[in-house]
Amino acid sequence: MKQSETPHGPSKIDKEFVRNGASSVEDADLDFMLGRTTSILEKFARGPLRNLLDDGRVLIEMTKAYRAGEYRSIPWWVVSSAVFALLYVFNPADIIPDVIPVLGMVDDAFVVSICMKMIQTDIEKFRKFKLSR
């Protein structure tokens, strides 16, 4: 068992939590997530995630561009980290279930924030790529 886990799951949300989640992401997860972007963005539009709406959009745009072959200047771990964070937001039964008002989305906001911090350099490169088109 990893140090950041208890017998019942992770004891904290940190970079290791995001890295571990991203390490299990596969192409099928990317496709699954891309099929649910509308629902994911709807979750970003309310509660603690509202302040991260632009981050959610850029993660989705980057993964769409990667899948379409338009933007491949990023390593897979960046894509899988973005996919993990977006699927975490989509999943209503994560560490703090989304049915708990406000608190249920706090963990989602932490995961997205950590992901954004981890891939910040690649996000900036993607934004420059978008502006150059």
C-alpha atoms as a PDB file:
ATOM      1  CA  MET A   1       0.000   0.000   0.000  1.00  0.00           C
ATOM      2  CA  LYS A   2       1.315   3.442  -0.898  1.00  0.00           C
ATOM      3  CA  GLN A   3       2.162   5.847   1.878  1.00  0.00           C
ATOM      4  CA  SER A   4      -0.659   8.251   0.921  1.00  0.00           C
ATOM      5  CA  GLU A   5      -3.293   5.510   1.150  1.00  0.00           C
ATOM      6  CA  THR A   6      -5.268   3.997   3.967  1.00  0.00           C
ATOM      7  CA  PRO A   7      -6.954   0.589   3.742  1.00  0.00           C
ATOM      8  CA  HIS A   8     -10.056   2.492   2.528  1.00  0.00           C
ATOM      9  CA  GLY A   9      -8.328   4.545  -0.196  1.00  0.00           C
ATOM     10  CA  PRO A  10      -6.215   7.673  -0.433  1.00  0.00           C
ATOM     11  CA  SER A  11      -5.741   9.701   2.731  1.00  0.00           C
ATOM     12  CA  LYS A  12      -5.004  12.936   0.874  1.00  0.00           C
ATOM     13  CA  ILE A  13      -5.194  14.511  -2.533  1.00  0.00           C
ATOM     14  CA  ASP A  14      -1.741  15.508  -3.685  1.00  0.00           C
ATOM     15  CA  LYS A  15       0.596  15.189  -6.684  1.00  0.00           C
ATOM     16  CA  GLU A  16       1.110  11.509  -5.952  1.00  0.00           C
ATOM     17  CA  PHE A  17      -2.649  10.947  -6.009  1.00  0.00           C
ATOM     18  CA  VAL A  18      -2.919  12.624  -9.424  1.00  0.00           C
ATOM     19  CA  ARG A  19       0.176  10.810 -10.765  1.00  0.00           C
ATOM     20  CA  ASN A  20      -1.173   7.459  -9.622  1.00  0.00           C
ATOM     21  CA  GLY A  21      -4.554   8.128 -11.191  1.00  0.00           C
ATOM     22  CA  ALA A  22      -2.965   9.349 -14.417  1.00  0.00           C
ATOM     23  CA  SER A  23      -0.779   6.256 -14.640  1.00  0.00           C
ATOM     24  CA  SER A  24      -3.863   4.082 -15.137  1.00  0.00           C
ATOM     25  CA  VAL A  25      -5.412   6.229 -17.904  1.00  0.00           C
ATOM     26  CA  GLU A  26      -5.673   4.537 -21.300  1.00  0.00           C
ATOM     27  CA  ASP A  27      -6.817   5.636 -24.763  1.00  0.00           C
ATOM     28  CA  ALA A  28     -10.314   4.351 -24.007  1.00  0.00           C
ATOM     29  CA  ASP A  29     -10.475   6.676 -20.976  1.00  0.00           C
ATOM     30  CA  LEU A  30      -9.541   9.617 -23.191  1.00  0.00           C
ATOM     31  CA  ASP A  31     -12.344   8.728 -25.598  1.00  0.00           C
ATOM     32  CA  PHE A  32     -14.808   8.218 -22.719  1.00  0.00           C
ATOM     33  CA  MET A  33     -13.924  11.619 -21.273  1.00  0.00           C
ATOM     34  CA  LEU A  34     -14.197  13.350 -24.652  1.00  0.00           C
ATOM     35  CA  GLY A  35     -17.697  11.930 -25.013  1.00  0.00           C
ATOM     36  CA  ARG A  36     -18.724  13.621 -21.777  1.00  0.00           C
ATOM     37  CA  THR A  37     -17.256  17.100 -22.135  1.00  0.00           C
ATOM     38  CA  THR A  38     -20.636  18.833 -21.943  1.00  0.00           C
ATOM     39  CA  SER A  39     -21.447  17.159 -18.619  1.00  0.00           C
ATOM     40  CA  ILE A  40     -17.953  17.908 -17.300  1.00  0.00           C
ATOM     41  CA  LEU A  41     -18.200  21.594 -18.215  1.00  0.00           C
ATOM     42  CA  GLU A  42     -21.627  21.772 -16.564  1.00  0.00           C
ATOM     43  CA  LYS A  43     -20.016  20.604 -13.315  1.00  0.00           C
ATOM     44  CA  PHE A  44     -17.301  23.249 -13.710  1.00  0.00           C
ATOM     45  CA  ALA A  45     -19.985  25.927 -13.999  1.00  0.00           C
ATOM     46  CA  ARG A  46     -21.119  25.611 -10.365  1.00  0.00           C
ATOM     47  CA  GLY A  47     -19.787  25.592  -6.825  1.00  0.00           C
ATOM     48  CA  PRO A  48     -16.058  25.580  -6.050  1.00  0.00           C
ATOM     49  CA  LEU A  49     -15.255  24.537  -9.627  1.00  0.00           C
ATOM     50  CA  ARG A  50     -16.710  27.762 -11.050  1.00  0.00           C
ATOM     51  CA  ASN A  51     -13.360  29.528 -10.567  1.00  0.00           C
ATOM     52  CA  LEU A  52     -11.656  26.748 -12.525  1.00  0.00           C
ATOM     53  CA  LEU A  53     -13.957  26.821 -15.569  1.00  0.00           C
ATOM     54  CA  ASP A  54     -11.237  28.221 -17.867  1.00  0.00           C
ATOM     55  CA  ASP A  55      -8.867  25.507 -16.639  1.00  0.00           C
ATOM     56  CA  GLY A  56     -11.455  22.847 -17.411  1.00  0.00           C
ATOM     57  CA  ARG A  57     -11.943  24.269 -20.887  1.00  0.00           C
ATOM     58  CA  VAL A  58      -8.239  24.327 -21.692  1.00  0.00           C
ATOM     59  CA  LEU A  59      -7.789  20.750 -20.433  1.00  0.00           C
ATOM     60  CA  ILE A  60     -10.618  19.630 -22.692  1.00  0.00           C
ATOM     61  CA  GLU A  61      -9.333  21.625 -25.685  1.00  0.00           C
ATOM     62  CA  MET A  62      -5.829  20.230 -25.248  1.00  0.00           C
ATOM     63  CA  THR A  63      -7.000  16.628 -24.993  1.00  0.00           C
ATOM     64  CA  LYS A  64      -9.302  17.086 -28.017  1.00  0.00           C
ATOM     65  CA  ALA A  65      -6.416  18.510 -30.042  1.00  0.00           C
ATOM     66  CA  TYR A  66      -4.187  15.648 -28.915  1.00  0.00           C
ATOM     67  CA  ARG A  67      -6.774  12.997 -29.854  1.00  0.00           C
ATOM     68  CA  ALA A  68      -7.380  14.642 -33.253  1.00  0.00           C
ATOM     69  CA  GLY A  69      -3.634  14.626 -33.953  1.00  0.00           C
ATOM     70  CA  GLU A  70      -3.581  18.427 -34.204  1.00  0.00           C
ATOM     71  CA  TYR A  71      -1.321  18.860 -31.182  1.00  0.00           C
ATOM     72  CA  ARG A  72       1.149  16.139 -30.254  1.00  0.00           C
ATOM     73  CA  SER A  73       3.844  18.292 -28.629  1.00  0.00           C
ATOM     74  CA  ILE A  74       3.057  16.911 -25.187  1.00  0.00           C
ATOM     75  CA  PRO A  75       4.023  13.700 -23.470  1.00  0.00           C
ATOM     76  CA  TRP A  76       1.369  11.101 -22.671  1.00  0.00           C
ATOM     77  CA  TRP A  77       1.681  11.720 -18.913  1.00  0.00           C
ATOM     78  CA  VAL A  78       0.405  15.286 -19.472  1.00  0.00           C
ATOM     79  CA  VAL A  79      -2.587  14.040 -21.456  1.00  0.00           C
ATOM     80  CA  SER A  80      -3.308  11.283 -18.942  1.00  0.00           C
ATOM     81  CA  SER A  81      -3.086  13.757 -16.048  1.00  0.00           C
ATOM     82  CA  ALA A  82      -5.625  16.023 -17.758  1.00  0.00           C
ATOM     83  CA  VAL A  83      -7.906  13.081 -18.516  1.00  0.00           C
ATOM     84  CA  PHE A  84      -7.655  11.818 -14.931  1.00  0.00           C
ATOM     85  CA  ALA A  85      -8.558  15.266 -13.530  1.00  0.00           C
ATOM     86  CA  LEU A  86     -11.506  15.664 -15.898  1.00  0.00           C
ATOM     87  CA  LEU A  87     -12.816  12.161 -15.193  1.00  0.00           C
ATOM     88  CA  TYR A  88     -12.426  12.818 -11.480  1.00  0.00           C
ATOM     89  CA  VAL A  89     -14.695  15.859 -11.887  1.00  0.00           C
ATOM     90  CA  PHE A  90     -17.158  13.772 -13.909  1.00  0.00           C
ATOM     91  CA  ASN A  91     -17.320  10.979 -11.312  1.00  0.00           C
ATOM     92  CA  PRO A  92     -19.984  11.824  -8.711  1.00  0.00           C
ATOM     93  CA  ALA A  93     -18.786   9.092  -6.317  1.00  0.00           C
ATOM     94  CA  ASP A  94     -15.189  10.137  -5.704  1.00  0.00           C
ATOM     95  CA  ILE A  95     -13.463  10.743  -2.345  1.00  0.00           C
ATOM     96  CA  ILE A  96     -16.102  13.272  -1.266  1.00  0.00           C
ATOM     97  CA  PRO A  97     -19.339  12.361  -3.097  1.00  0.00           C
ATOM     98  CA  ASP A  98     -20.754  15.215  -5.159  1.00  0.00           C
ATOM     99  CA  VAL A  99     -24.180  14.820  -3.524  1.00  0.00           C
ATOM    100  CA  ILE A 100     -22.767  16.573  -0.446  1.00  0.00           C
ATOM    101  CA  PRO A 101     -23.490  20.249  -1.167  1.00  0.00           C
ATOM    102  CA  VAL A 102     -20.372  22.364  -1.835  1.00  0.00           C
ATOM    103  CA  LEU A 103     -17.971  19.957  -0.067  1.00  0.00           C
ATOM    104  CA  GLY A 104     -18.633  17.326  -2.712  1.00  0.00           C
ATOM    105  CA  MET A 105     -16.861  19.458  -5.280  1.00  0.00           C
ATOM    106  CA  VAL A 106     -13.990  20.677  -3.127  1.00  0.00           C
ATOM    107  CA  ASP A 107     -11.976  17.519  -3.782  1.00  0.00           C
ATOM    108  CA  ASP A 108     -12.683  17.917  -7.514  1.00  0.00           C
ATOM    109  CA  ALA A 109     -11.285  21.457  -7.356  1.00  0.00           C
ATOM    110  CA  PHE A 110      -8.167  20.205  -5.555  1.00  0.00           C
ATOM    111  CA  VAL A 111      -7.530  17.536  -8.189  1.00  0.00           C
ATOM    112  CA  VAL A 112      -7.923  20.021 -11.059  1.00  0.00           C
ATOM    113  CA  SER A 113      -5.707  22.601  -9.313  1.00  0.00           C
ATOM    114  CA  ILE A 114      -2.977  20.066  -8.648  1.00  0.00           C
ATOM    115  CA  CYS A 115      -3.160  18.802 -12.219  1.00  0.00           C
ATOM    116  CA  MET A 116      -2.912  22.351 -13.600  1.00  0.00           C
ATOM    117  CA  LYS A 117       0.111  23.057 -11.438  1.00  0.00           C
ATOM    118  CA  MET A 118       1.787  19.806 -12.555  1.00  0.00           C
ATOM    119  CA  ILE A 119       1.294  20.490 -16.272  1.00  0.00           C
ATOM    120  CA  GLN A 120       1.512  24.294 -16.214  1.00  0.00           C
ATOM    121  CA  THR A 121       4.427  24.504 -18.661  1.00  0.00           C
ATOM    122  CA  ASP A 122       2.657  22.280 -21.177  1.00  0.00           C
ATOM    123  CA  ILE A 123      -0.588  24.252 -20.784  1.00  0.00           C
ATOM    124  CA  GLU A 124       1.291  27.472 -21.621  1.00  0.00           C
ATOM    125  CA  LYS A 125       2.832  25.817 -24.703  1.00  0.00           C
ATOM    126  CA  PHE A 126      -0.631  24.687 -25.783  1.00  0.00           C
ATOM    127  CA  ARG A 127      -2.065  28.182 -25.327  1.00  0.00           C
ATOM    128  CA  LYS A 128       0.750  29.598 -27.498  1.00  0.00           C
ATOM    129  CA  PHE A 129       0.029  26.925 -30.098  1.00  0.00           C
ATOM    130  CA  LYS A 130      -3.647  27.928 -30.147  1.00  0.00           C
ATOM    131  CA  LEU A 131      -2.780  31.606 -30.564  1.00  0.00           C
ATOM    132  CA  SER A 132      -0.436  30.823 -33.454  1.00  0.00           C
ATOM    133  CA  ARG A 133      -3.185  29.144 -35.489  1.00  0.00           C
END
